[in-house]
Amino acid sequence: MELLKDLEFRGLVNQMTDEEGLKEQLKQPTTLYTGFDPTADSLHIGHLLPILTLKRFQQAGHQVIALVGGATGMIGDPSGRSDERSLNTLDTVKLFSDRIKDQLSRFLPLEGENPITIRNNYEWTEEMSIIDFLRDIGKHFPISYMLAKDSVDSRMENGISYTEFSYMLLQSYDFLKLYETEKCRLQVGGSDQWGNITAGLELIRRFGHSEKAFGLTVPLVTKSDGQKFGKTAGGAVWLDADKTSPYEFFQFWINVDDADVIKFIKYFTFMSHEEIEALATEVTEAPEKRVAQRRLAEEMTKLVHGEAGLEQAERITKAFFSGDLTSLQPEDMEDAFKGMPQFELDGERNIVDLLVEANISPSKRQAREDVTNGAIYLNGEREQALDKVVTREDTLGEFTIIRRGKKKYFVIRHV
């Protein structure tokens, strides 16, 4: 299927400049880019949409550039924000840039057939003086033009520094530089980047280049209930396994709402249109089976964490569902219990006292009822003895795991 038609089927086209011209341009191999600013030491799932959109272009035979914003990351993009970003040091930005480059190469291979190129915009700004930048780039941007952009206009009430005000010029210069050195004809970004992308196109035109360039934006991902996508009670869902474990990652996707699951499958997976339509029917006819959610969780966890990560996530999920925690492997333990309420136990404690101290049961009376009623499990085994004393011998790996009811787990760390 034609690339743009596939993107439109998946809901991945928010805006584009000159649709007919872009369709004609994409009939031949075209170089395109997307920028990723190093604002943290890992990308998160919000970055997956532009990454996987680049991958779709790559698979269609186009040349892809992933641009790490070593320079723009020093400034801070005002788009989509109501306040100023905290500025990081050069050393921190360089560290973040290296880590993001490594993550991008996992999804967009640097070798093999049609490899991608990873560039860093610090390469062409490091030696450029402020005088040169203002004379050569700044003179092409009327203040009225910049003030009319949403990324700037939306910040005028709360204020915007000259630092962030200049971000548009830097991103525009990136497009111009890649146009001139890499023959890049297309910039792809989130919908909040539309103003910056069109500013880049204007700069290319003002420099007198006759060969046309284009812009295309993908939608910012939102949930049907209005909540921000990619956020959990524990914070952002990261692509780094040390920040968000494969099990946590798997659980995020498997808990997607019925109203969102097909949209996310279209956005983030490479399933065929026929497979997606079949899953949409499953959601309509048998939503309780959550077939689409499981498929989405499997596809995404395998994509980000590989087969081993998916196997671990499914192993932990099965152990919690069955209550058989003894089936967990030693290497699963830390990931399985990450994010659960924890209590440090010094020495040993009667089960009733422990339930109250660890805030598992609200009172001793309730704790005794929980135990005698069979609502308390130690390491997956029901415990109904009121005189039970929890000691270091009651460990699973390094912890004692207490479950109250069907789903409330608590971790006891012996110190």
Protein backbone atom coordinates (compact mmCIF):
# COMPACT_ATOMS: atom_id res chain seq x y z
CA MET A 1 0.00 0.00 0.00
CA GLU A 2 1.12 3.55 -0.69
CA LEU A 3 2.89 4.95 2.37
CA LEU A 4 0.71 8.04 2.86
CA LYS A 5 -2.45 5.96 2.55
CA ASP A 6 -1.17 3.60 5.21
CA LEU A 7 -0.31 6.54 7.48
CA GLU A 8 -3.79 7.97 6.98
CA PHE A 9 -5.42 4.59 7.75
CA ARG A 10 -3.47 4.52 11.01
CA GLY A 11 -4.45 8.08 11.89
CA LEU A 12 -0.82 9.18 11.75
CA VAL A 13 -1.26 12.25 9.54
CA ASN A 14 -2.18 15.38 11.46
CA GLN A 15 -1.05 18.06 8.99
CA MET A 16 1.10 18.21 5.90
CA THR A 17 2.29 20.94 3.57
CA ASP A 18 1.31 20.56 -0.10
CA GLU A 19 -0.26 17.09 -0.01
CA GLU A 20 -0.09 16.55 -3.78
CA GLY A 21 3.49 17.74 -3.94
CA LEU A 22 4.51 15.43 -1.07
CA LYS A 23 2.80 12.46 -2.71
CA GLU A 24 4.78 13.14 -5.87
CA GLN A 25 8.03 13.58 -3.88
CA LEU A 26 7.57 10.23 -2.09
CA LYS A 27 7.34 8.35 -5.39
CA GLN A 28 11.14 8.42 -5.27
CA PRO A 29 13.53 7.78 -2.37
CA THR A 30 13.42 10.87 -0.19
CA THR A 31 15.53 11.95 2.76
CA LEU A 32 13.59 13.03 5.84
CA TYR A 33 14.32 13.73 9.49
CA THR A 34 12.83 14.06 12.95
CA GLY A 35 14.49 15.71 15.94
CA PHE A 36 14.77 14.31 19.46
CA ASP A 37 15.90 16.67 22.21
CA PRO A 38 17.89 15.08 25.06
CA THR A 39 15.84 16.36 28.00
CA ALA A 40 16.36 13.14 30.01
CA ASP A 41 18.66 10.12 29.99
CA SER A 42 16.01 8.02 28.24
CA LEU A 43 13.25 8.39 25.70
CA HIS A 44 9.72 7.55 26.84
CA ILE A 45 6.75 6.00 25.06
CA GLY A 46 5.59 9.40 23.84
CA HIS A 47 8.65 9.34 21.57
CA LEU A 48 7.63 6.01 20.04
CA LEU A 49 5.13 7.54 17.63
CA PRO A 50 7.68 9.67 15.71
CA ILE A 51 10.30 6.90 15.97
CA LEU A 52 7.98 4.29 14.48
CA THR A 53 6.73 6.74 11.86
CA LEU A 54 10.36 7.14 10.75
CA LYS A 55 10.62 3.36 10.67
CA ARG A 56 7.62 3.17 8.33
CA PHE A 57 9.37 5.61 5.97
CA GLN A 58 12.57 3.58 6.25
CA GLN A 59 10.76 0.34 5.39
CA ALA A 60 9.21 2.09 2.38
CA GLY A 61 12.72 2.76 1.04
CA HIS A 62 13.26 6.36 2.13
CA GLN A 63 16.43 7.65 3.80
CA VAL A 64 15.89 8.52 7.45
CA ILE A 65 17.86 10.91 9.64
CA ALA A 66 17.30 10.90 13.39
CA LEU A 67 18.54 14.23 14.71
CA VAL A 68 19.65 14.35 18.34
CA GLY A 69 19.27 17.88 19.68
CA GLY A 70 22.58 18.43 21.42
CA ALA A 71 22.19 22.17 20.72
CA THR A 72 18.42 22.62 20.94
CA GLY A 73 18.46 20.52 24.11
CA MET A 74 20.57 23.25 25.69
CA ILE A 75 17.83 25.82 24.96
CA GLY A 76 14.48 24.13 25.58
CA ASP A 77 11.49 23.87 23.27
CA PRO A 78 8.56 26.06 24.40
CA SER A 79 6.08 24.02 22.31
CA GLY A 80 3.29 22.50 24.36
CA ARG A 81 4.53 23.95 27.63
CA SER A 82 3.19 26.67 29.92
CA ASP A 83 6.48 27.33 31.71
CA GLU A 84 10.23 27.41 31.13
CA ARG A 85 12.26 24.23 31.11
CA SER A 86 15.11 23.79 33.58
CA LEU A 87 18.37 24.15 31.67
CA ASN A 88 20.90 21.32 31.87
CA THR A 89 24.67 21.66 31.72
CA LEU A 90 26.58 20.90 28.54
CA ASP A 91 28.05 17.73 30.09
CA THR A 92 24.58 16.52 31.08
CA VAL A 93 23.17 17.20 27.62
CA LYS A 94 26.09 15.35 26.02
CA LEU A 95 25.48 12.36 28.30
CA PHE A 96 21.75 12.37 27.52
CA SER A 97 22.52 12.72 23.80
CA ASP A 98 24.74 9.63 23.78
CA ARG A 99 22.11 7.55 25.56
CA ILE A 100 19.34 8.69 23.24
CA LYS A 101 21.50 7.91 20.22
CA ASP A 102 21.93 4.36 21.54
CA GLN A 103 18.18 3.99 22.08
CA LEU A 104 17.31 5.29 18.62
CA SER A 105 19.68 2.79 17.01
CA ARG A 106 17.68 -0.05 18.61
CA PHE A 107 14.60 0.90 16.62
CA LEU A 108 16.23 2.40 13.53
CA PRO A 109 19.22 0.21 12.59
CA LEU A 110 22.48 1.90 11.66
CA GLU A 111 23.56 -1.08 9.57
CA GLY A 112 22.07 -3.45 7.03
CA GLU A 113 19.68 -2.58 4.23
CA ASN A 114 18.82 1.12 4.07
CA PRO A 115 20.45 2.11 7.39
CA ILE A 116 19.49 5.36 9.07
CA THR A 117 21.78 8.27 9.83
CA ILE A 118 22.00 9.79 13.30
CA ARG A 119 23.20 13.40 13.47
CA ASN A 120 23.58 15.84 16.34
CA ASN A 121 22.79 19.50 15.73
CA TYR A 122 25.58 20.49 18.11
CA GLU A 123 27.90 19.61 15.19
CA TRP A 124 26.97 22.75 13.23
CA THR A 125 26.25 25.14 16.09
CA GLU A 126 29.26 24.54 18.35
CA GLU A 127 31.60 26.84 16.41
CA MET A 128 28.98 29.32 15.23
CA SER A 129 29.18 32.71 16.92
CA ILE A 130 26.12 34.59 18.15
CA ILE A 131 26.95 37.40 15.69
CA ASP A 132 27.01 34.99 12.73
CA PHE A 133 23.79 33.35 13.88
CA LEU A 134 21.92 36.65 14.24
CA ARG A 135 23.23 38.03 10.93
CA ASP A 136 22.81 34.89 8.83
CA ILE A 137 19.68 33.31 10.37
CA GLY A 138 17.98 35.82 12.66
CA LYS A 139 17.57 38.46 9.94
CA HIS A 140 15.16 36.15 8.07
CA PHE A 141 12.62 36.05 10.93
CA PRO A 142 10.34 39.06 11.39
CA ILE A 143 9.21 39.38 15.02
CA SER A 144 5.56 39.52 13.89
CA TYR A 145 6.03 36.18 12.10
CA MET A 146 7.45 34.53 15.22
CA LEU A 147 4.81 35.99 17.55
CA ALA A 148 2.06 34.52 15.36
CA LYS A 149 3.31 30.95 15.95
CA ASP A 150 1.27 28.96 18.49
CA SER A 151 4.37 27.81 20.39
CA VAL A 152 5.18 31.47 21.13
CA ASP A 153 1.70 33.00 21.26
CA SER A 154 0.49 30.45 23.84
CA ARG A 155 3.32 31.51 26.15
CA MET A 156 2.88 35.27 25.96
CA GLU A 157 0.52 35.50 28.92
CA ASN A 158 2.82 33.60 31.31
CA GLY A 159 5.99 34.90 29.69
CA ILE A 160 8.71 33.42 27.51
CA SER A 161 12.42 34.09 27.73
CA TYR A 162 14.51 35.14 24.75
CA THR A 163 16.27 31.78 25.14
CA GLU A 164 13.16 29.75 24.38
CA PHE A 165 11.92 32.39 21.93
CA SER A 166 15.05 31.63 19.84
CA TYR A 167 14.32 27.89 19.71
CA MET A 168 12.34 28.29 16.49
CA LEU A 169 15.40 29.79 14.77
CA LEU A 170 17.62 26.90 15.83
CA GLN A 171 15.19 24.24 14.63
CA SER A 172 14.70 26.10 11.35
CA TYR A 173 18.46 26.22 10.91
CA ASP A 174 18.58 22.44 11.44
CA PHE A 175 16.19 21.93 8.53
CA LEU A 176 18.17 24.28 6.34
CA LYS A 177 21.46 22.57 7.23
CA LEU A 178 20.13 19.08 6.52
CA TYR A 179 18.51 20.34 3.31
CA GLU A 180 21.86 21.68 2.10
CA THR A 181 24.18 18.90 3.31
CA GLU A 182 21.97 15.78 3.21
CA LYS A 183 19.43 16.76 0.52
CA CYS A 184 16.74 16.40 3.19
CA ARG A 185 13.34 17.34 1.76
CA LEU A 186 10.94 16.43 4.57
CA GLN A 187 10.69 17.08 8.30
CA VAL A 188 8.35 14.92 10.38
CA GLY A 189 7.34 15.86 13.92
CA GLY A 190 4.56 15.95 16.48
CA SER A 191 1.66 18.30 15.89
CA ASP A 192 3.12 20.75 18.41
CA GLN A 193 6.07 21.19 16.02
CA TRP A 194 4.01 22.53 13.11
CA GLY A 195 5.09 26.13 13.68
CA ASN A 196 8.77 25.21 13.90
CA ILE A 197 8.55 23.00 10.81
CA THR A 198 6.87 25.65 8.66
CA ALA A 199 9.40 28.21 9.92
CA GLY A 200 12.14 25.92 8.62
CA LEU A 201 10.44 25.72 5.24
CA GLU A 202 10.27 29.52 5.15
CA LEU A 203 13.98 29.78 5.97
CA ILE A 204 14.84 27.37 3.14
CA ARG A 205 12.76 29.51 0.77
CA ARG A 206 14.37 32.75 1.97
CA PHE A 207 17.82 31.28 1.29
CA GLY A 208 16.79 31.02 -2.34
CA HIS A 209 16.59 27.23 -2.67
CA SER A 210 14.29 26.28 -5.50
CA GLU A 211 13.81 22.55 -4.83
CA LYS A 212 10.76 22.26 -2.62
CA ALA A 213 10.79 20.89 0.93
CA PHE A 214 7.84 19.58 2.93
CA GLY A 215 6.52 19.15 6.45
CA LEU A 216 4.34 16.46 7.99
CA THR A 217 3.12 16.15 11.57
CA VAL A 218 1.78 13.16 13.47
CA PRO A 219 -0.84 13.65 16.21
CA LEU A 220 0.10 14.03 19.83
CA VAL A 221 -1.14 10.86 21.51
CA THR A 222 -4.08 11.34 23.84
CA LYS A 223 -6.32 8.97 25.77
CA SER A 224 -10.08 8.91 25.31
CA ASP A 225 -10.65 9.97 28.93
CA GLY A 226 -8.55 13.09 28.47
CA GLN A 227 -5.66 11.88 30.63
CA LYS A 228 -2.12 12.33 29.39
CA PHE A 229 -0.78 9.36 27.44
CA GLY A 230 2.30 7.61 28.80
CA LYS A 231 1.84 8.60 32.42
CA THR A 232 1.19 6.22 35.33
CA ALA A 233 1.01 6.65 39.09
CA GLY A 234 4.76 6.04 39.11
CA GLY A 235 5.47 8.68 36.46
CA ALA A 236 6.49 8.40 32.81
CA VAL A 237 6.74 5.06 31.00
CA TRP A 238 10.36 4.96 29.83
CA LEU A 239 12.01 2.91 27.10
CA ASP A 240 14.95 2.16 29.42
CA ALA A 241 14.39 -1.15 31.26
CA ASP A 242 16.18 0.21 34.34
CA LYS A 243 13.61 3.02 34.61
CA THR A 244 10.50 1.08 33.55
CA SER A 245 10.85 -2.70 33.78
CA PRO A 246 9.55 -4.97 31.00
CA TYR A 247 6.79 -6.14 33.36
CA GLU A 248 5.67 -2.56 34.12
CA PHE A 249 5.87 -1.76 30.41
CA PHE A 250 3.76 -4.83 29.54
CA GLN A 251 1.19 -3.90 32.20
CA PHE A 252 0.85 -0.36 30.86
CA TRP A 253 -0.23 -1.65 27.46
CA ILE A 254 -2.41 -4.50 28.71
CA ASN A 255 -4.39 -2.04 30.83
CA VAL A 256 -5.23 0.23 27.88
CA ASP A 257 -8.92 1.11 27.74
CA ASP A 258 -11.17 -0.53 25.14
CA ALA A 259 -11.83 2.93 23.69
CA ASP A 260 -8.12 3.41 22.94
CA VAL A 261 -6.75 -0.02 22.12
CA ILE A 262 -7.41 -0.12 18.37
CA LYS A 263 -6.16 3.44 17.93
CA PHE A 264 -2.93 2.51 19.71
CA ILE A 265 -2.56 -0.69 17.68
CA LYS A 266 -2.81 1.41 14.52
CA TYR A 267 -0.34 3.95 15.85
CA PHE A 268 2.32 1.73 17.34
CA THR A 269 2.30 -1.70 15.67
CA PHE A 270 3.10 -2.93 12.20
CA MET A 271 0.12 -5.28 12.01
CA SER A 272 -1.69 -5.48 8.71
CA HIS A 273 -4.97 -3.66 8.14
CA GLU A 274 -6.76 -7.02 8.08
CA GLU A 275 -5.34 -8.04 11.48
CA ILE A 276 -6.31 -4.70 12.98
CA GLU A 277 -9.86 -4.91 11.66
CA ALA A 278 -10.20 -8.43 13.09
CA LEU A 279 -9.06 -7.21 16.49
CA ALA A 280 -11.50 -4.29 16.28
CA THR A 281 -14.29 -6.84 15.84
CA GLU A 282 -13.01 -8.73 18.92
CA VAL A 283 -13.18 -5.54 20.99
CA THR A 284 -16.77 -4.94 19.89
CA GLU A 285 -18.02 -8.51 20.29
CA ALA A 286 -15.99 -9.80 23.26
CA PRO A 287 -14.32 -6.91 25.09
CA GLU A 288 -14.05 -8.94 28.31
CA LYS A 289 -11.46 -11.23 26.68
CA ARG A 290 -9.11 -8.25 26.13
CA VAL A 291 -7.57 -10.01 23.14
CA ALA A 292 -6.54 -6.73 21.52
CA GLN A 293 -4.89 -5.45 24.70
CA ARG A 294 -2.85 -8.62 25.09
CA ARG A 295 -1.72 -8.48 21.47
CA LEU A 296 -0.78 -4.80 21.85
CA ALA A 297 1.18 -5.54 25.05
CA GLU A 298 3.00 -8.43 23.39
CA GLU A 299 3.91 -6.46 20.27
CA MET A 300 5.13 -3.40 22.16
CA THR A 301 7.09 -5.25 24.85
CA LYS A 302 8.84 -7.39 22.23
CA LEU A 303 9.61 -4.29 20.16
CA VAL A 304 11.15 -2.35 23.06
CA HIS A 305 12.58 -5.12 25.29
CA GLY A 306 13.00 -8.08 22.94
CA GLU A 307 11.83 -11.67 23.29
CA ALA A 308 13.56 -12.10 26.66
CA GLY A 309 11.81 -9.02 28.07
CA LEU A 310 8.43 -10.22 26.82
CA GLU A 311 8.98 -13.69 28.29
CA GLN A 312 9.87 -12.20 31.67
CA ALA A 313 6.85 -9.87 31.62
CA GLU A 314 4.50 -12.73 30.78
CA ARG A 315 6.10 -14.97 33.44
CA ILE A 316 5.57 -12.34 36.14
CA THR A 317 2.03 -11.60 34.94
CA LYS A 318 1.14 -15.31 35.06
CA ALA A 319 2.61 -15.67 38.57
CA PHE A 320 0.53 -12.77 39.92
CA PHE A 321 -2.62 -13.97 38.16
CA SER A 322 -2.30 -17.51 39.51
CA GLY A 323 -0.97 -16.46 42.91
CA ASP A 324 1.90 -18.94 42.53
CA LEU A 325 4.80 -16.61 43.28
CA THR A 326 7.17 -19.54 43.70
CA SER A 327 7.19 -19.87 39.91
CA LEU A 328 9.12 -16.62 39.63
CA GLN A 329 12.79 -16.88 38.78
CA PRO A 330 15.40 -15.08 40.93
CA GLU A 331 16.08 -12.52 38.18
CA ASP A 332 12.34 -11.70 38.09
CA MET A 333 12.07 -10.66 41.71
CA GLU A 334 13.22 -7.04 41.61
CA ASP A 335 11.16 -6.24 38.51
CA ALA A 336 8.10 -8.10 39.78
CA PHE A 337 7.87 -6.16 43.01
CA LYS A 338 9.07 -2.79 41.77
CA GLY A 339 6.55 -0.06 42.48
CA MET A 340 4.66 -2.05 45.12
CA PRO A 341 4.25 -0.69 48.67
CA GLN A 342 7.29 -1.70 50.72
CA PHE A 343 8.10 -2.01 54.41
CA GLU A 344 11.45 -2.65 56.06
CA LEU A 345 11.31 -5.28 58.80
CA ASP A 346 14.02 -5.31 61.44
CA GLY A 347 14.04 -8.71 63.12
CA GLU A 348 10.80 -10.67 63.29
CA ARG A 349 7.17 -9.77 63.89
CA ASN A 350 3.84 -11.39 64.67
CA ILE A 351 1.69 -11.43 61.54
CA VAL A 352 -1.05 -9.25 63.07
CA ASP A 353 1.40 -6.62 64.27
CA LEU A 354 3.19 -6.65 60.92
CA LEU A 355 -0.02 -6.10 58.98
CA VAL A 356 -0.74 -2.96 61.00
CA GLU A 357 2.84 -1.60 61.03
CA ALA A 358 3.19 -2.05 57.28
CA ASN A 359 -0.19 -0.36 56.64
CA ILE A 360 -1.52 -3.51 55.05
CA SER A 361 -4.50 -3.63 57.42
CA PRO A 362 -5.84 -0.45 59.07
CA SER A 363 -6.15 -1.85 62.62
CA LYS A 364 -5.33 -4.91 64.73
CA ARG A 365 -8.99 -5.89 64.74
CA GLN A 366 -9.12 -5.76 60.94
CA ALA A 367 -5.75 -7.55 60.72
CA ARG A 368 -7.04 -10.44 62.86
CA GLU A 369 -10.18 -10.66 60.70
CA ASP A 370 -8.08 -10.61 57.53
CA VAL A 371 -5.97 -13.50 58.79
CA THR A 372 -8.79 -15.67 60.11
CA ASN A 373 -10.96 -15.00 57.04
CA GLY A 374 -8.20 -16.24 54.71
CA ALA A 375 -7.52 -12.86 53.07
CA ILE A 376 -3.77 -12.89 53.86
CA TYR A 377 -1.19 -14.77 51.80
CA LEU A 378 2.55 -15.11 52.51
CA ASN A 379 4.55 -15.70 49.35
CA GLY A 380 1.42 -16.98 47.63
CA GLU A 381 0.33 -19.32 50.45
CA ARG A 382 -2.73 -18.54 52.58
CA GLU A 383 -1.84 -17.79 56.20
CA GLN A 384 -4.62 -18.15 58.83
CA ALA A 385 -2.60 -18.62 62.02
CA LEU A 386 -2.85 -15.60 64.32
CA ASP A 387 0.31 -16.66 66.14
CA LYS A 388 2.40 -16.78 62.95
CA VAL A 389 5.71 -14.95 63.33
CA VAL A 390 7.27 -13.59 60.14
CA THR A 391 11.06 -14.06 60.07
CA ARG A 392 13.89 -14.06 57.56
CA GLU A 393 13.03 -17.68 56.84
CA ASP A 394 9.77 -16.51 55.24
CA THR A 395 11.42 -15.08 52.15
CA LEU A 396 10.94 -15.53 48.46
CA GLY A 397 14.29 -14.60 46.99
CA GLU A 398 15.15 -11.59 49.15
CA PHE A 399 11.64 -10.54 50.19
CA THR A 400 8.51 -11.65 51.97
CA ILE A 401 5.49 -10.95 49.78
CA ILE A 402 2.18 -10.38 51.52
CA ARG A 403 -1.04 -10.34 49.57
CA ARG A 404 -4.25 -9.00 51.02
CA GLY A 405 -7.32 -10.06 49.08
CA LYS A 406 -7.04 -10.81 45.40
CA LYS A 407 -4.75 -8.09 44.07
CA LYS A 408 -3.12 -5.99 46.82
CA TYR A 409 0.54 -6.95 47.14
CA PHE A 410 3.06 -5.65 49.67
CA VAL A 411 6.81 -6.18 49.85
CA ILE A 412 8.54 -6.80 53.17
CA ARG A 413 12.27 -6.16 53.03
CA HIS A 414 14.25 -7.79 55.84
CA VAL A 415 16.98 -5.49 57.18
